[in-house]
Amino acid sequence: MPTVLPSPGELIILGFENNNLDMLYEFHREYSLGGVILFDRNIESSKQLKELISTVR
């Protein structure tokens, strides 16, 4: 049975500046991103964090 290897993008976890998701969307469309890291710089409030997580999913 052949082994299915992940695409190179699935091996990458990406962080991003502020709340600019454009680069994140572009990278995911092209390479199928493996994950996202959120830092303090991405969080403004608990409500905004919930919305951000929902959007990134």
N, C-alpha and C. Protein backbone atom coordinates (compact mmCIF):
# COMPACT_ATOMS: atom_id res chain seq x y z
N MET A 1 0.85 -1.18 0.00
CA MET A 1 0.00 0.00 0.00
C MET A 1 0.89 1.24 0.00
N PRO A 2 0.67 2.21 -0.92
CA PRO A 2 1.52 3.40 -0.99
C PRO A 2 1.29 4.33 0.20
N THR A 3 2.35 4.98 0.61
CA THR A 3 2.28 5.95 1.69
C THR A 3 1.89 7.31 1.14
N VAL A 4 0.93 7.96 1.78
CA VAL A 4 0.51 9.29 1.37
C VAL A 4 1.30 10.31 2.18
N LEU A 5 2.08 11.12 1.50
CA LEU A 5 2.89 12.13 2.16
C LEU A 5 2.13 13.45 2.20
N PRO A 6 2.30 14.22 3.29
CA PRO A 6 1.63 15.52 3.36
C PRO A 6 2.25 16.50 2.36
N SER A 7 1.46 17.49 1.96
CA SER A 7 2.03 18.54 1.12
C SER A 7 3.00 19.34 1.98
N PRO A 8 3.99 20.01 1.39
CA PRO A 8 4.97 20.77 2.18
C PRO A 8 4.31 21.79 3.11
N GLY A 9 3.23 22.42 2.66
CA GLY A 9 2.55 23.43 3.48
C GLY A 9 1.93 22.86 4.74
N GLU A 10 1.53 21.60 4.71
CA GLU A 10 0.93 20.98 5.89
C GLU A 10 1.94 20.75 7.00
N LEU A 11 3.20 20.89 6.71
CA LEU A 11 4.25 20.75 7.71
C LEU A 11 4.62 22.09 8.34
N ILE A 12 3.96 23.17 7.90
CA ILE A 12 4.29 24.53 8.36
C ILE A 12 3.19 25.06 9.27
N ILE A 13 3.61 25.64 10.39
CA ILE A 13 2.70 26.35 11.29
C ILE A 13 3.08 27.82 11.18
N LEU A 14 2.10 28.67 10.93
CA LEU A 14 2.36 30.06 10.59
C LEU A 14 1.80 31.00 11.64
N GLY A 15 2.56 32.02 12.00
CA GLY A 15 2.08 33.13 12.81
C GLY A 15 1.91 34.33 11.89
N PHE A 16 1.20 35.35 12.33
CA PHE A 16 0.97 36.52 11.49
C PHE A 16 0.93 37.79 12.32
N GLU A 17 1.14 38.94 11.67
CA GLU A 17 1.16 40.23 12.35
C GLU A 17 -0.26 40.75 12.57
N ASN A 18 -0.50 41.35 13.72
CA ASN A 18 -1.77 41.99 14.05
C ASN A 18 -2.94 41.08 13.69
N ASN A 19 -3.90 41.60 12.95
CA ASN A 19 -5.05 40.78 12.54
C ASN A 19 -5.13 40.71 11.02
N ASN A 20 -4.00 40.83 10.36
CA ASN A 20 -3.95 40.80 8.91
C ASN A 20 -3.95 39.34 8.44
N LEU A 21 -5.12 38.89 8.01
CA LEU A 21 -5.27 37.50 7.61
C LEU A 21 -5.02 37.27 6.13
N ASP A 22 -4.78 38.33 5.36
CA ASP A 22 -4.59 38.19 3.92
C ASP A 22 -3.45 37.23 3.58
N MET A 23 -2.30 37.40 4.22
CA MET A 23 -1.15 36.54 3.96
C MET A 23 -1.46 35.09 4.35
N LEU A 24 -2.17 34.94 5.46
CA LEU A 24 -2.55 33.61 5.93
C LEU A 24 -3.45 32.91 4.91
N TYR A 25 -4.47 33.61 4.42
CA TYR A 25 -5.36 33.03 3.41
C TYR A 25 -4.60 32.66 2.14
N GLU A 26 -3.73 33.57 1.70
CA GLU A 26 -2.96 33.34 0.47
C GLU A 26 -2.06 32.11 0.61
N PHE A 27 -1.37 32.01 1.73
CA PHE A 27 -0.47 30.87 1.96
C PHE A 27 -1.28 29.57 2.00
N HIS A 28 -2.41 29.60 2.71
CA HIS A 28 -3.22 28.39 2.83
C HIS A 28 -3.79 27.95 1.48
N ARG A 29 -4.24 28.90 0.68
CA ARG A 29 -4.77 28.56 -0.65
C ARG A 29 -3.71 27.89 -1.51
N GLU A 30 -2.48 28.39 -1.41
CA GLU A 30 -1.42 27.88 -2.28
C GLU A 30 -0.77 26.61 -1.75
N TYR A 31 -0.61 26.49 -0.43
CA TYR A 31 0.18 25.38 0.12
C TYR A 31 -0.54 24.48 1.12
N SER A 32 -1.79 24.74 1.46
CA SER A 32 -2.53 23.93 2.42
C SER A 32 -1.83 23.92 3.79
N LEU A 33 -1.96 25.00 4.49
CA LEU A 33 -1.30 25.27 5.76
C LEU A 33 -1.61 24.22 6.82
N GLY A 34 -0.60 23.87 7.63
CA GLY A 34 -0.76 22.87 8.68
C GLY A 34 -1.31 23.41 9.98
N GLY A 35 -1.08 24.67 10.30
CA GLY A 35 -1.58 25.24 11.55
C GLY A 35 -1.26 26.71 11.66
N VAL A 36 -1.82 27.35 12.69
CA VAL A 36 -1.64 28.78 12.93
C VAL A 36 -1.31 28.97 14.40
N ILE A 37 -0.38 29.89 14.69
CA ILE A 37 -0.04 30.25 16.07
C ILE A 37 -0.55 31.65 16.32
N LEU A 38 -1.28 31.84 17.41
CA LEU A 38 -1.72 33.17 17.82
C LEU A 38 -0.83 33.68 18.94
N PHE A 39 -0.40 34.93 18.83
CA PHE A 39 0.43 35.58 19.83
C PHE A 39 -0.33 36.74 20.45
N ASP A 40 0.22 37.34 21.50
CA ASP A 40 -0.39 38.52 22.12
C ASP A 40 -0.72 39.60 21.09
N ARG A 41 0.14 39.77 20.11
CA ARG A 41 -0.05 40.82 19.11
C ARG A 41 -1.30 40.61 18.27
N ASN A 42 -1.87 39.41 18.29
CA ASN A 42 -3.07 39.10 17.52
C ASN A 42 -4.35 39.29 18.33
N ILE A 43 -4.22 39.52 19.64
CA ILE A 43 -5.38 39.51 20.52
C ILE A 43 -5.65 40.90 21.08
N GLU A 44 -6.89 41.37 20.88
CA GLU A 44 -7.30 42.68 21.39
C GLU A 44 -8.29 42.53 22.56
N SER A 45 -9.16 41.54 22.50
CA SER A 45 -10.14 41.29 23.55
C SER A 45 -10.59 39.83 23.46
N SER A 46 -11.32 39.38 24.47
CA SER A 46 -11.79 37.99 24.43
C SER A 46 -12.81 37.79 23.31
N LYS A 47 -13.66 38.79 23.07
CA LYS A 47 -14.63 38.69 21.97
C LYS A 47 -13.92 38.61 20.63
N GLN A 48 -12.93 39.47 20.42
CA GLN A 48 -12.17 39.48 19.17
C GLN A 48 -11.40 38.18 18.99
N LEU A 49 -10.88 37.62 20.09
CA LEU A 49 -10.15 36.35 20.01
C LEU A 49 -11.08 35.21 19.57
N LYS A 50 -12.28 35.16 20.12
CA LYS A 50 -13.25 34.14 19.72
C LYS A 50 -13.57 34.26 18.22
N GLU A 51 -13.76 35.49 17.76
CA GLU A 51 -14.05 35.72 16.33
C GLU A 51 -12.87 35.33 15.46
N LEU A 52 -11.66 35.67 15.91
CA LEU A 52 -10.45 35.35 15.17
C LEU A 52 -10.27 33.83 15.04
N ILE A 53 -10.46 33.12 16.13
CA ILE A 53 -10.35 31.66 16.09
C ILE A 53 -11.38 31.07 15.15
N SER A 54 -12.60 31.57 15.22
CA SER A 54 -13.66 31.09 14.33
C SER A 54 -13.31 31.36 12.87
N THR A 55 -12.76 32.51 12.57
CA THR A 55 -12.38 32.87 11.21
C THR A 55 -11.23 32.00 10.70
N VAL A 56 -10.24 31.77 11.54
CA VAL A 56 -9.07 30.99 11.13
C VAL A 56 -9.44 29.53 10.89
N ARG A 57 -10.37 29.01 11.65
CA ARG A 57 -10.79 27.61 11.47
C ARG A 57 -11.42 27.45 10.12
